[in-house]
Protein backbone atom coordinates (compact mmCIF):
# COMPACT_ATOMS: atom_id res chain seq x y z
CA UNK A 1 63.19 69.72 109.49
CA UNK A 2 61.88 70.91 106.55
CA UNK A 3 63.68 70.82 103.04
CA UNK A 4 62.79 73.45 101.07
CA UNK A 5 63.41 72.46 97.15
CA UNK A 6 64.49 75.32 94.85
CA UNK A 7 63.09 75.49 91.35
CA UNK A 8 62.98 77.78 88.52
CA UNK A 9 59.52 78.94 87.33
CA UNK A 10 59.96 79.18 83.19
CA UNK A 11 59.76 82.89 82.93
CA UNK A 12 56.18 84.13 81.57
CA UNK A 13 56.07 86.10 78.41
CA UNK A 14 53.41 88.72 76.67
CA UNK A 15 52.54 86.35 73.36
CA UNK A 16 51.22 89.42 71.55
CA UNK A 17 54.36 91.73 72.40
CA UNK A 18 56.78 88.40 71.22
CA UNK A 19 54.79 87.91 68.33
CA UNK A 20 54.21 91.85 67.57
CA UNK A 21 50.58 91.90 67.35
CA UNK A 22 49.44 95.07 67.12
CA UNK A 23 45.69 94.44 68.24
CA UNK A 24 43.91 91.66 69.80
CA UNK A 25 40.96 90.52 67.46
CA UNK A 26 37.74 89.35 68.95
CA UNK A 27 36.80 87.23 65.80
CA UNK A 28 39.94 85.10 66.22
CA UNK A 29 38.25 82.69 68.62
CA UNK A 30 41.18 79.77 68.47
CA UNK A 31 43.48 82.60 70.21
CA UNK A 32 40.70 83.78 72.69
CA UNK A 33 40.32 80.19 73.53
CA UNK A 34 43.55 80.13 75.24
CA UNK A 35 42.53 82.73 77.65
CA UNK A 36 39.53 81.22 79.10
CA UNK A 37 38.89 78.28 81.69
CA UNK A 38 36.91 75.42 80.51
CA UNK A 39 34.05 76.93 82.75
CA UNK A 40 34.37 80.06 80.74
CA UNK A 41 36.02 82.49 82.99
CA UNK A 42 38.72 84.65 81.74
CA UNK A 43 42.36 84.01 83.06
CA UNK A 44 44.07 86.40 84.95
CA UNK A 45 47.13 88.27 83.65
CA UNK A 46 49.48 86.56 86.48
CA UNK A 47 48.52 83.07 84.57
CA UNK A 48 48.63 84.20 81.19
CA UNK A 49 51.95 86.19 81.53
CA UNK A 50 50.16 88.62 79.12
CA UNK A 51 51.35 92.64 79.82
CA UNK A 52 48.55 95.02 81.17
CA UNK A 53 47.71 96.66 77.71
CA UNK A 54 47.40 93.29 76.06
CA UNK A 55 45.42 91.74 78.78
CA UNK A 56 42.77 94.60 78.51
CA UNK A 57 42.51 94.05 75.28
CA UNK A 58 41.88 90.22 75.47
CA UNK A 59 39.28 90.79 78.04
CA UNK A 60 37.49 93.60 75.88
CA UNK A 61 37.77 90.67 72.85
CA UNK A 62 36.28 88.00 74.76
CA UNK A 63 33.48 90.10 75.94
CA UNK A 64 32.66 91.43 72.47
CA UNK A 65 32.76 87.70 70.82
CA UNK A 66 30.47 86.54 73.59
CA UNK A 67 27.81 89.29 73.29
CA UNK A 68 27.73 88.71 69.26
CA UNK A 69 27.81 84.77 69.68
CA UNK A 70 31.35 83.82 68.39
CA UNK A 71 32.31 82.72 71.70
CA UNK A 72 29.99 80.78 74.28
CA UNK A 73 29.75 82.12 78.26
CA UNK A 74 30.32 78.61 79.09
CA UNK A 75 32.23 76.03 77.60
CA UNK A 76 30.98 72.36 77.64
């Protein structure tokens, strides 16, 4: 007999929409580090809770920061 526990997940929200940030800055490494794993992968939208438009901006910002060596491709 299987018992299914019902649990409530914390509702995910877009950090950029709630703080009314207009654009994601590629020079803001503290914010961008929250959206990559320790292996250097970009976290998906379903994990971060970002809206689609801000998730695209985060992806572009991370890639720009990597290309000019502000962020590393792999965290150590």
